[in-house]
Amino acid sequence: AQLADAFFDQSHMIREIQRFAGRTPARLSDDESPFLNEMID
């Protein structure tokens, strides 16, 4: 619910996460980058 309220829509959320985390949401939990996963823990 908090995520839904925080962004205009899903595409807005995806763009923002790309800018600051360097991933699309679909790639955040695929263990491709342990360094990033730790830094956003």
ModelCIF file with pLDDT and N, C-alpha, C, O atoms, coordinates in Angstrom:
data_MODEL
#
_entry.id   MODEL 
#
_entity.id                         1 
_entity.type                       polymer 
_entity.pdbx_number_of_molecules   1 
#
_entity_poly.entity_id                      1 
_entity_poly.type                           'polypeptide(L)' 
_entity_poly.nstd_linkage                   no 
_entity_poly.nstd_monomer                   no 
_entity_poly.pdbx_seq_one_letter_code       AQLADAFFDQSHMIREIQRFAGRTPARLSDDESPFLNEMID 
_entity_poly.pdbx_seq_one_letter_code_can   AQLADAFFDQSHMIREIQRFAGRTPARLSDDESPFLNEMID 
_entity_poly.pdbx_strand_id                 A 
#
loop_
_entity_poly_seq.entity_id 
_entity_poly_seq.num 
_entity_poly_seq.mon_id 
_entity_poly_seq.hetero 
1 1  ALA n 
1 2  GLN n 
1 3  LEU n 
1 4  ALA n 
1 5  ASP n 
1 6  ALA n 
1 7  PHE n 
1 8  PHE n 
1 9  ASP n 
1 10 GLN n 
1 11 SER n 
1 12 HIS n 
1 13 MET n 
1 14 ILE n 
1 15 ARG n 
1 16 GLU n 
1 17 ILE n 
1 18 GLN n 
1 19 ARG n 
1 20 PHE n 
1 21 ALA n 
1 22 GLY n 
1 23 ARG n 
1 24 THR n 
1 25 PRO n 
1 26 ALA n 
1 27 ARG n 
1 28 LEU n 
1 29 SER n 
1 30 ASP n 
1 31 ASP n 
1 32 GLU n 
1 33 SER n 
1 34 PRO n 
1 35 PHE n 
1 36 LEU n 
1 37 ASN n 
1 38 GLU n 
1 39 MET n 
1 40 ILE n 
1 41 ASP n 
#
_struct_asym.id          A 
_struct_asym.entity_id   1 
#
loop_
_ma_qa_metric.id 
_ma_qa_metric.mode 
_ma_qa_metric.name 
_ma_qa_metric.software_group_id 
_ma_qa_metric.type 
1 global pLDDT . pLDDT 
2 local  pLDDT . pLDDT 
#
_ma_qa_metric_global.metric_id      1 
_ma_qa_metric_global.metric_value   70.83 
_ma_qa_metric_global.model_id       1 
_ma_qa_metric_global.ordinal_id     1 
#
loop_
_ma_qa_metric_local.label_asym_id 
_ma_qa_metric_local.label_comp_id 
_ma_qa_metric_local.label_seq_id 
_ma_qa_metric_local.metric_id 
_ma_qa_metric_local.metric_value 
_ma_qa_metric_local.model_id 
_ma_qa_metric_local.ordinal_id 
A ALA 1  2 85.00 1 1  
A GLN 2  2 86.00 1 2  
A LEU 3  2 87.00 1 3  
A ALA 4  2 85.00 1 4  
A ASP 5  2 87.00 1 5  
A ALA 6  2 88.00 1 6  
A PHE 7  2 88.00 1 7  
A PHE 8  2 86.00 1 8  
A ASP 9  2 85.00 1 9  
A GLN 10 2 85.00 1 10 
A SER 11 2 87.00 1 11 
A HIS 12 2 88.00 1 12 
A MET 13 2 88.00 1 13 
A ILE 14 2 87.00 1 14 
A ARG 15 2 88.00 1 15 
A GLU 16 2 91.00 1 16 
A ILE 17 2 90.00 1 17 
A GLN 18 2 87.00 1 18 
A ARG 19 2 90.00 1 19 
A PHE 20 2 91.00 1 20 
A ALA 21 2 86.00 1 21 
A GLY 22 2 82.00 1 22 
A ARG 23 2 72.00 1 23 
A THR 24 2 68.00 1 24 
A PRO 25 2 65.00 1 25 
A ALA 26 2 57.00 1 26 
A ARG 27 2 50.00 1 27 
A LEU 28 2 55.00 1 28 
A SER 29 2 51.00 1 29 
A ASP 30 2 49.00 1 30 
A ASP 31 2 50.00 1 31 
A GLU 32 2 49.00 1 32 
A SER 33 2 47.00 1 33 
A PRO 34 2 45.00 1 34 
A PHE 35 2 44.00 1 35 
A LEU 36 2 47.00 1 36 
A ASN 37 2 50.00 1 37 
A GLU 38 2 47.00 1 38 
A MET 39 2 47.00 1 39 
A ILE 40 2 44.00 1 40 
A ASP 41 2 50.00 1 41 
#
loop_
_atom_site.group_PDB 
_atom_site.id 
_atom_site.type_symbol 
_atom_site.label_atom_id 
_atom_site.label_alt_id 
_atom_site.label_comp_id 
_atom_site.label_asym_id 
_atom_site.label_entity_id 
_atom_site.label_seq_id 
_atom_site.pdbx_PDB_ins_code 
_atom_site.Cartn_x 
_atom_site.Cartn_y 
_atom_site.Cartn_z 
_atom_site.occupancy 
_atom_site.B_iso_or_equiv 
_atom_site.pdbx_formal_charge 
_atom_site.auth_seq_id 
_atom_site.auth_comp_id 
_atom_site.auth_asym_id 
_atom_site.auth_atom_id 
_atom_site.pdbx_PDB_model_num 
ATOM 1   N N  . ALA A 1 1  ? 0.830  -1.209  0.000   1.00 85.00 ? 1  ALA A N  1 
ATOM 2   C CA . ALA A 1 1  ? 0.000  0.000   0.000   1.00 85.00 ? 1  ALA A CA 1 
ATOM 3   C C  . ALA A 1 1  ? 0.865  1.260   0.000   1.00 85.00 ? 1  ALA A C  1 
ATOM 4   O O  . ALA A 1 1  ? 0.548  2.230   -0.687  1.00 85.00 ? 1  ALA A O  1 
ATOM 5   N N  . GLN A 1 2  ? 1.956  1.247   0.767   1.00 86.00 ? 2  GLN A N  1 
ATOM 6   C CA . GLN A 1 2  ? 2.837  2.411   0.804   1.00 86.00 ? 2  GLN A CA 1 
ATOM 7   C C  . GLN A 1 2  ? 3.502  2.647   -0.548  1.00 86.00 ? 2  GLN A C  1 
ATOM 8   O O  . GLN A 1 2  ? 3.646  3.790   -0.981  1.00 86.00 ? 2  GLN A O  1 
ATOM 9   N N  . LEU A 1 3  ? 3.907  1.569   -1.211  1.00 87.00 ? 3  LEU A N  1 
ATOM 10  C CA . LEU A 1 3  ? 4.512  1.715   -2.534  1.00 87.00 ? 3  LEU A CA 1 
ATOM 11  C C  . LEU A 1 3  ? 3.503  2.271   -3.538  1.00 87.00 ? 3  LEU A C  1 
ATOM 12  O O  . LEU A 1 3  ? 3.841  3.130   -4.353  1.00 87.00 ? 3  LEU A O  1 
ATOM 13  N N  . ALA A 1 4  ? 2.276  1.781   -3.478  1.00 85.00 ? 4  ALA A N  1 
ATOM 14  C CA . ALA A 1 4  ? 1.246  2.256   -4.394  1.00 85.00 ? 4  ALA A CA 1 
ATOM 15  C C  . ALA A 1 4  ? 0.984  3.741   -4.203  1.00 85.00 ? 4  ALA A C  1 
ATOM 16  O O  . ALA A 1 4  ? 0.727  4.456   -5.172  1.00 85.00 ? 4  ALA A O  1 
ATOM 17  N N  . ASP A 1 5  ? 1.049  4.210   -2.963  1.00 87.00 ? 5  ASP A N  1 
ATOM 18  C CA . ASP A 1 5  ? 0.799  5.624   -2.671  1.00 87.00 ? 5  ASP A CA 1 
ATOM 19  C C  . ASP A 1 5  ? 1.992  6.520   -3.015  1.00 87.00 ? 5  ASP A C  1 
ATOM 20  O O  . ASP A 1 5  ? 1.823  7.716   -3.251  1.00 87.00 ? 5  ASP A O  1 
ATOM 21  N N  . ALA A 1 6  ? 3.198  5.941   -3.045  1.00 88.00 ? 6  ALA A N  1 
ATOM 22  C CA . ALA A 1 6  ? 4.414  6.747   -3.159  1.00 88.00 ? 6  ALA A CA 1 
ATOM 23  C C  . ALA A 1 6  ? 4.745  7.148   -4.591  1.00 88.00 ? 6  ALA A C  1 
ATOM 24  O O  . ALA A 1 6  ? 5.455  8.130   -4.811  1.00 88.00 ? 6  ALA A O  1 
ATOM 25  N N  . PHE A 1 7  ? 4.232  6.390   -5.578  1.00 88.00 ? 7  PHE A N  1 
ATOM 26  C CA . PHE A 1 7  ? 4.581  6.644   -6.970  1.00 88.00 ? 7  PHE A CA 1 
ATOM 27  C C  . PHE A 1 7  ? 3.312  6.877   -7.790  1.00 88.00 ? 7  PHE A C  1 
ATOM 28  O O  . PHE A 1 7  ? 2.233  6.406   -7.432  1.00 88.00 ? 7  PHE A O  1 
ATOM 29  N N  . PHE A 1 8  ? 3.460  7.613   -8.897  1.00 86.00 ? 8  PHE A N  1 
ATOM 30  C CA . PHE A 1 8  ? 2.307  7.897   -9.747  1.00 86.00 ? 8  PHE A CA 1 
ATOM 31  C C  . PHE A 1 8  ? 1.714  6.608   -10.308 1.00 86.00 ? 8  PHE A C  1 
ATOM 32  O O  . PHE A 1 8  ? 0.497  6.422   -10.323 1.00 86.00 ? 8  PHE A O  1 
ATOM 33  N N  . ASP A 1 9  ? 2.599  5.721   -10.769 1.00 85.00 ? 9  ASP A N  1 
ATOM 34  C CA . ASP A 1 9  ? 2.166  4.442   -11.314 1.00 85.00 ? 9  ASP A CA 1 
ATOM 35  C C  . ASP A 1 9  ? 3.376  3.519   -11.341 1.00 85.00 ? 9  ASP A C  1 
ATOM 36  O O  . ASP A 1 9  ? 4.462  3.897   -10.901 1.00 85.00 ? 9  ASP A O  1 
ATOM 37  N N  . GLN A 1 10 ? 3.188  2.317   -11.857 1.00 85.00 ? 10 GLN A N  1 
ATOM 38  C CA . GLN A 1 10 ? 4.272  1.331   -11.846 1.00 85.00 ? 10 GLN A CA 1 
ATOM 39  C C  . GLN A 1 10 ? 5.455  1.772   -12.701 1.00 85.00 ? 10 GLN A C  1 
ATOM 40  O O  . GLN A 1 10 ? 6.605  1.558   -12.318 1.00 85.00 ? 10 GLN A O  1 
ATOM 41  N N  . SER A 1 11 ? 5.191  2.379   -13.847 1.00 87.00 ? 11 SER A N  1 
ATOM 42  C CA . SER A 1 11 ? 6.301  2.800   -14.704 1.00 87.00 ? 11 SER A CA 1 
ATOM 43  C C  . SER A 1 11 ? 7.130  3.892   -14.030 1.00 87.00 ? 11 SER A C  1 
ATOM 44  O O  . SER A 1 11 ? 8.349  3.937   -14.192 1.00 87.00 ? 11 SER A O  1 
ATOM 45  N N  . HIS A 1 12 ? 6.471  4.771   -13.277 1.00 88.00 ? 12 HIS A N  1 
ATOM 46  C CA . HIS A 1 12 ? 7.194  5.795   -12.527 1.00 88.00 ? 12 HIS A CA 1 
ATOM 47  C C  . HIS A 1 12 ? 8.105  5.150   -11.487 1.00 88.00 ? 12 HIS A C  1 
ATOM 48  O O  . HIS A 1 12 ? 9.260  5.552   -11.344 1.00 88.00 ? 12 HIS A O  1 
ATOM 49  N N  . MET A 1 13 ? 7.601  4.160   -10.763 1.00 88.00 ? 13 MET A N  1 
ATOM 50  C CA . MET A 1 13 ? 8.407  3.456   -9.768  1.00 88.00 ? 13 MET A CA 1 
ATOM 51  C C  . MET A 1 13 ? 9.610  2.785   -10.421 1.00 88.00 ? 13 MET A C  1 
ATOM 52  O O  . MET A 1 13 ? 10.721 2.864   -9.899  1.00 88.00 ? 13 MET A O  1 
ATOM 53  N N  . ILE A 1 14 ? 9.400  2.131   -11.549 1.00 87.00 ? 14 ILE A N  1 
ATOM 54  C CA . ILE A 1 14 ? 10.488 1.438   -12.239 1.00 87.00 ? 14 ILE A CA 1 
ATOM 55  C C  . ILE A 1 14 ? 11.576 2.416   -12.657 1.00 87.00 ? 14 ILE A C  1 
ATOM 56  O O  . ILE A 1 14 ? 12.762 2.144   -12.473 1.00 87.00 ? 14 ILE A O  1 
ATOM 57  N N  . ARG A 1 15 ? 11.174 3.559   -13.222 1.00 88.00 ? 15 ARG A N  1 
ATOM 58  C CA . ARG A 1 15 ? 12.161 4.556   -13.652 1.00 88.00 ? 15 ARG A CA 1 
ATOM 59  C C  . ARG A 1 15 ? 12.983 5.075   -12.477 1.00 88.00 ? 15 ARG A C  1 
ATOM 60  O O  . ARG A 1 15 ? 14.199 5.230   -12.583 1.00 88.00 ? 15 ARG A O  1 
ATOM 61  N N  . GLU A 1 16 ? 12.320 5.341   -11.367 1.00 91.00 ? 16 GLU A N  1 
ATOM 62  C CA . GLU A 1 16 ? 13.025 5.878   -10.211 1.00 91.00 ? 16 GLU A CA 1 
ATOM 63  C C  . GLU A 1 16 ? 14.001 4.859   -9.620  1.00 91.00 ? 16 GLU A C  1 
ATOM 64  O O  . GLU A 1 16 ? 15.118 5.213   -9.243  1.00 91.00 ? 16 GLU A O  1 
ATOM 65  N N  . ILE A 1 17 ? 13.585 3.609   -9.542  1.00 90.00 ? 17 ILE A N  1 
ATOM 66  C CA . ILE A 1 17 ? 14.478 2.577   -9.017  1.00 90.00 ? 17 ILE A CA 1 
ATOM 67  C C  . ILE A 1 17 ? 15.666 2.378   -9.958  1.00 90.00 ? 17 ILE A C  1 
ATOM 68  O O  . ILE A 1 17 ? 16.789 2.169   -9.499  1.00 90.00 ? 17 ILE A O  1 
ATOM 69  N N  . GLN A 1 18 ? 15.432 2.441   -11.258 1.00 87.00 ? 18 GLN A N  1 
ATOM 70  C CA . GLN A 1 18 ? 16.529 2.368   -12.219 1.00 87.00 ? 18 GLN A CA 1 
ATOM 71  C C  . GLN A 1 18 ? 17.553 3.470   -11.970 1.00 87.00 ? 18 GLN A C  1 
ATOM 72  O O  . GLN A 1 18 ? 18.757 3.213   -11.972 1.00 87.00 ? 18 GLN A O  1 
ATOM 73  N N  . ARG A 1 19 ? 17.087 4.676   -11.759 1.00 90.00 ? 19 ARG A N  1 
ATOM 74  C CA . ARG A 1 19 ? 17.993 5.809   -11.589 1.00 90.00 ? 19 ARG A CA 1 
ATOM 75  C C  . ARG A 1 19 ? 18.889 5.651   -10.372 1.00 90.00 ? 19 ARG A C  1 
ATOM 76  O O  . ARG A 1 19 ? 20.086 5.931   -10.442 1.00 90.00 ? 19 ARG A O  1 
ATOM 77  N N  . PHE A 1 20 ? 18.324 5.209   -9.262  1.00 91.00 ? 20 PHE A N  1 
ATOM 78  C CA . PHE A 1 20 ? 19.053 5.242   -7.998  1.00 91.00 ? 20 PHE A CA 1 
ATOM 79  C C  . PHE A 1 20 ? 19.629 3.897   -7.562  1.00 91.00 ? 20 PHE A C  1 
ATOM 80  O O  . PHE A 1 20 ? 20.649 3.864   -6.874  1.00 91.00 ? 20 PHE A O  1 
ATOM 81  N N  . ALA A 1 21 ? 19.001 2.799   -7.945  1.00 86.00 ? 21 ALA A N  1 
ATOM 82  C CA . ALA A 1 21 ? 19.505 1.475   -7.586  1.00 86.00 ? 21 ALA A CA 1 
ATOM 83  C C  . ALA A 1 21 ? 20.159 0.767   -8.764  1.00 86.00 ? 21 ALA A C  1 
ATOM 84  O O  . ALA A 1 21 ? 20.916 -0.183  -8.565  1.00 86.00 ? 21 ALA A O  1 
ATOM 85  N N  . GLY A 1 22 ? 19.882 1.212   -9.989  1.00 82.00 ? 22 GLY A N  1 
ATOM 86  C CA . GLY A 1 22 ? 20.506 0.622   -11.155 1.00 82.00 ? 22 GLY A CA 1 
ATOM 87  C C  . GLY A 1 22 ? 19.875 -0.671  -11.612 1.00 82.00 ? 22 GLY A C  1 
ATOM 88  O O  . GLY A 1 22 ? 20.492 -1.420  -12.369 1.00 82.00 ? 22 GLY A O  1 
ATOM 89  N N  . ARG A 1 23 ? 18.658 -0.957  -11.173 1.00 72.00 ? 23 ARG A N  1 
ATOM 90  C CA . ARG A 1 23 ? 17.949 -2.184  -11.533 1.00 72.00 ? 23 ARG A CA 1 
ATOM 91  C C  . ARG A 1 23 ? 16.486 -1.875  -11.819 1.00 72.00 ? 23 ARG A C  1 
ATOM 92  O O  . ARG A 1 23 ? 15.948 -0.880  -11.332 1.00 72.00 ? 23 ARG A O  1 
ATOM 93  N N  . THR A 1 24 ? 15.852 -2.724  -12.604 1.00 68.00 ? 24 THR A N  1 
ATOM 94  C CA . THR A 1 24 ? 14.400 -2.749  -12.630 1.00 68.00 ? 24 THR A CA 1 
ATOM 95  C C  . THR A 1 24 ? 13.938 -3.578  -11.437 1.00 68.00 ? 24 THR A C  1 
ATOM 96  O O  . THR A 1 24 ? 14.694 -4.429  -10.967 1.00 68.00 ? 24 THR A O  1 
ATOM 97  N N  . PRO A 1 25 ? 12.724 -3.361  -10.932 1.00 65.00 ? 25 PRO A N  1 
ATOM 98  C CA . PRO A 1 25 ? 12.250 -4.158  -9.795  1.00 65.00 ? 25 PRO A CA 1 
ATOM 99  C C  . PRO A 1 25 ? 12.336 -5.659  -10.030 1.00 65.00 ? 25 PRO A C  1 
ATOM 100 O O  . PRO A 1 25 ? 12.595 -6.410  -9.090  1.00 65.00 ? 25 PRO A O  1 
ATOM 101 N N  . ALA A 1 26 ? 12.126 -6.115  -11.264 1.00 57.00 ? 26 ALA A N  1 
ATOM 102 C CA . ALA A 1 26 ? 12.171 -7.553  -11.543 1.00 57.00 ? 26 ALA A CA 1 
ATOM 103 C C  . ALA A 1 26 ? 13.547 -8.138  -11.310 1.00 57.00 ? 26 ALA A C  1 
ATOM 104 O O  . ALA A 1 26 ? 13.676 -9.345  -11.106 1.00 57.00 ? 26 ALA A O  1 
ATOM 105 N N  . ARG A 1 27 ? 14.592 -7.299  -11.337 1.00 50.00 ? 27 ARG A N  1 
ATOM 106 C CA . ARG A 1 27 ? 15.963 -7.793  -11.188 1.00 50.00 ? 27 ARG A CA 1 
ATOM 107 C C  . ARG A 1 27 ? 16.518 -7.577  -9.791  1.00 50.00 ? 27 ARG A C  1 
ATOM 108 O O  . ARG A 1 27 ? 17.677 -7.905  -9.536  1.00 50.00 ? 27 ARG A O  1 
ATOM 109 N N  . LEU A 1 28 ? 15.719 -7.033  -8.880  1.00 55.00 ? 28 LEU A N  1 
ATOM 110 C CA . LEU A 1 28 ? 16.241 -6.730  -7.545  1.00 55.00 ? 28 LEU A CA 1 
ATOM 111 C C  . LEU A 1 28 ? 16.418 -7.969  -6.685  1.00 55.00 ? 28 LEU A C  1 
ATOM 112 O O  . LEU A 1 28 ? 17.256 -7.972  -5.784  1.00 55.00 ? 28 LEU A O  1 
ATOM 113 N N  . SER A 1 29 ? 15.652 -9.021  -6.938  1.00 51.00 ? 29 SER A N  1 
ATOM 114 C CA . SER A 1 29 ? 15.705 -10.205 -6.078  1.00 51.00 ? 29 SER A CA 1 
ATOM 115 C C  . SER A 1 29 ? 16.274 -11.421 -6.803  1.00 51.00 ? 29 SER A C  1 
ATOM 116 O O  . SER A 1 29 ? 16.077 -12.554 -6.364  1.00 51.00 ? 29 SER A O  1 
ATOM 117 N N  . ASP A 1 30 ? 16.988 -11.186 -7.927  1.00 49.00 ? 30 ASP A N  1 
ATOM 118 C CA . ASP A 1 30 ? 17.491 -12.329 -8.684  1.00 49.00 ? 30 ASP A CA 1 
ATOM 119 C C  . ASP A 1 30 ? 18.947 -12.668 -8.381  1.00 49.00 ? 30 ASP A C  1 
ATOM 120 O O  . ASP A 1 30 ? 19.559 -13.476 -9.080  1.00 49.00 ? 30 ASP A O  1 
ATOM 121 N N  . ASP A 1 31 ? 19.505 -12.042 -7.329  1.00 50.00 ? 31 ASP A N  1 
ATOM 122 C CA . ASP A 1 31 ? 20.868 -12.332 -6.874  1.00 50.00 ? 31 ASP A CA 1 
ATOM 123 C C  . ASP A 1 31 ? 21.929 -12.060 -7.933  1.00 50.00 ? 31 ASP A C  1 
ATOM 124 O O  . ASP A 1 31 ? 22.999 -12.668 -7.904  1.00 50.00 ? 31 ASP A O  1 
ATOM 125 N N  . GLU A 1 32 ? 21.646 -11.153 -8.870  1.00 49.00 ? 32 GLU A N  1 
ATOM 126 C CA . GLU A 1 32 ? 22.654 -10.834 -9.873  1.00 49.00 ? 32 GLU A CA 1 
ATOM 127 C C  . GLU A 1 32 ? 23.791 -9.999  -9.303  1.00 49.00 ? 32 GLU A C  1 
ATOM 128 O O  . GLU A 1 32 ? 24.907 -10.034 -9.823  1.00 49.00 ? 32 GLU A O  1 
ATOM 129 N N  . SER A 1 33 ? 23.522 -9.259  -8.254  1.00 47.00 ? 33 SER A N  1 
ATOM 130 C CA . SER A 1 33 ? 24.549 -8.372  -7.717  1.00 47.00 ? 33 SER A CA 1 
ATOM 131 C C  . SER A 1 33 ? 24.509 -8.341  -6.199  1.00 47.00 ? 33 SER A C  1 
ATOM 132 O O  . SER A 1 33 ? 23.716 -7.600  -5.618  1.00 47.00 ? 33 SER A O  1 
ATOM 133 N N  . PRO A 1 34 ? 25.348 -9.132  -5.549  1.00 45.00 ? 34 PRO A N  1 
ATOM 134 C CA . PRO A 1 34 ? 25.343 -9.119  -4.084  1.00 45.00 ? 34 PRO A CA 1 
ATOM 135 C C  . PRO A 1 34 ? 25.774 -7.790  -3.496  1.00 45.00 ? 34 PRO A C  1 
ATOM 136 O O  . PRO A 1 34 ? 25.346 -7.432  -2.399  1.00 45.00 ? 34 PRO A O  1 
ATOM 137 N N  . PHE A 1 35 ? 26.635 -7.035  -4.224  1.00 44.00 ? 35 PHE A N  1 
ATOM 138 C CA . PHE A 1 35 ? 27.052 -5.739  -3.694  1.00 44.00 ? 35 PHE A CA 1 
ATOM 139 C C  . PHE A 1 35 ? 25.866 -4.795  -3.623  1.00 44.00 ? 35 PHE A C  1 
ATOM 140 O O  . PHE A 1 35 ? 25.649 -4.150  -2.597  1.00 44.00 ? 35 PHE A O  1 
ATOM 141 N N  . LEU A 1 36 ? 25.095 -4.705  -4.698  1.00 47.00 ? 36 LEU A N  1 
ATOM 142 C CA . LEU A 1 36 ? 23.923 -3.841  -4.678  1.00 47.00 ? 36 LEU A CA 1 
ATOM 143 C C  . LEU A 1 36 ? 22.926 -4.316  -3.629  1.00 47.00 ? 36 LEU A C  1 
ATOM 144 O O  . LEU A 1 36 ? 22.367 -3.503  -2.893  1.00 47.00 ? 36 LEU A O  1 
ATOM 145 N N  . ASN A 1 37 ? 22.698 -5.621  -3.555  1.00 50.00 ? 37 ASN A N  1 
ATOM 146 C CA . ASN A 1 37 ? 21.723 -6.144  -2.597  1.00 50.00 ? 37 ASN A CA 1 
ATOM 147 C C  . ASN A 1 37 ? 22.084 -5.756  -1.169  1.00 50.00 ? 37 ASN A C  1 
ATOM 148 O O  . ASN A 1 37 ? 21.201 -5.453  -0.367  1.00 50.00 ? 37 ASN A O  1 
ATOM 149 N N  . GLU A 1 38 ? 23.372 -5.764  -0.848  1.00 47.00 ? 38 GLU A N  1 
ATOM 150 C CA . GLU A 1 38 ? 23.795 -5.363  0.490   1.00 47.00 ? 38 GLU A CA 1 
ATOM 151 C C  . GLU A 1 38 ? 23.600 -3.866  0.702   1.00 47.00 ? 38 GLU A C  1 
ATOM 152 O O  . GLU A 1 38 ? 23.134 -3.439  1.758   1.00 47.00 ? 38 GLU A O  1 
ATOM 153 N N  . MET A 1 39 ? 23.960 -3.065  -0.311  1.00 47.00 ? 39 MET A N  1 
ATOM 154 C CA . MET A 1 39 ? 23.899 -1.618  -0.147  1.00 47.00 ? 39 MET A CA 1 
ATOM 155 C C  . MET A 1 39 ? 22.467 -1.108  0.001   1.00 47.00 ? 39 MET A C  1 
ATOM 156 O O  . MET A 1 39 ? 22.247 -0.054  0.598   1.00 47.00 ? 39 MET A O  1 
ATOM 157 N N  . ILE A 1 40 ? 21.478 -1.853  -0.543  1.00 44.00 ? 40 ILE A N  1 
ATOM 158 C CA . ILE A 1 40 ? 20.091 -1.416  -0.385  1.00 44.00 ? 40 ILE A CA 1 
ATOM 159 C C  . ILE A 1 40 ? 19.384 -2.178  0.728   1.00 44.00 ? 40 ILE A C  1 
ATOM 160 O O  . ILE A 1 40 ? 18.174 -2.031  0.899   1.00 44.00 ? 40 ILE A O  1 
ATOM 161 N N  . ASP A 1 41 ? 20.125 -3.001  1.498   1.00 50.00 ? 41 ASP A N  1 
ATOM 162 C CA . ASP A 1 41 ? 19.510 -3.712  2.611   1.00 50.00 ? 41 ASP A CA 1 
ATOM 163 C C  . ASP A 1 41 ? 18.973 -2.695  3.621   1.00 50.00 ? 41 ASP A C  1 
ATOM 164 O O  . ASP A 1 41 ? 18.410 -3.080  4.646   1.00 50.00 ? 41 ASP A O  1 
#
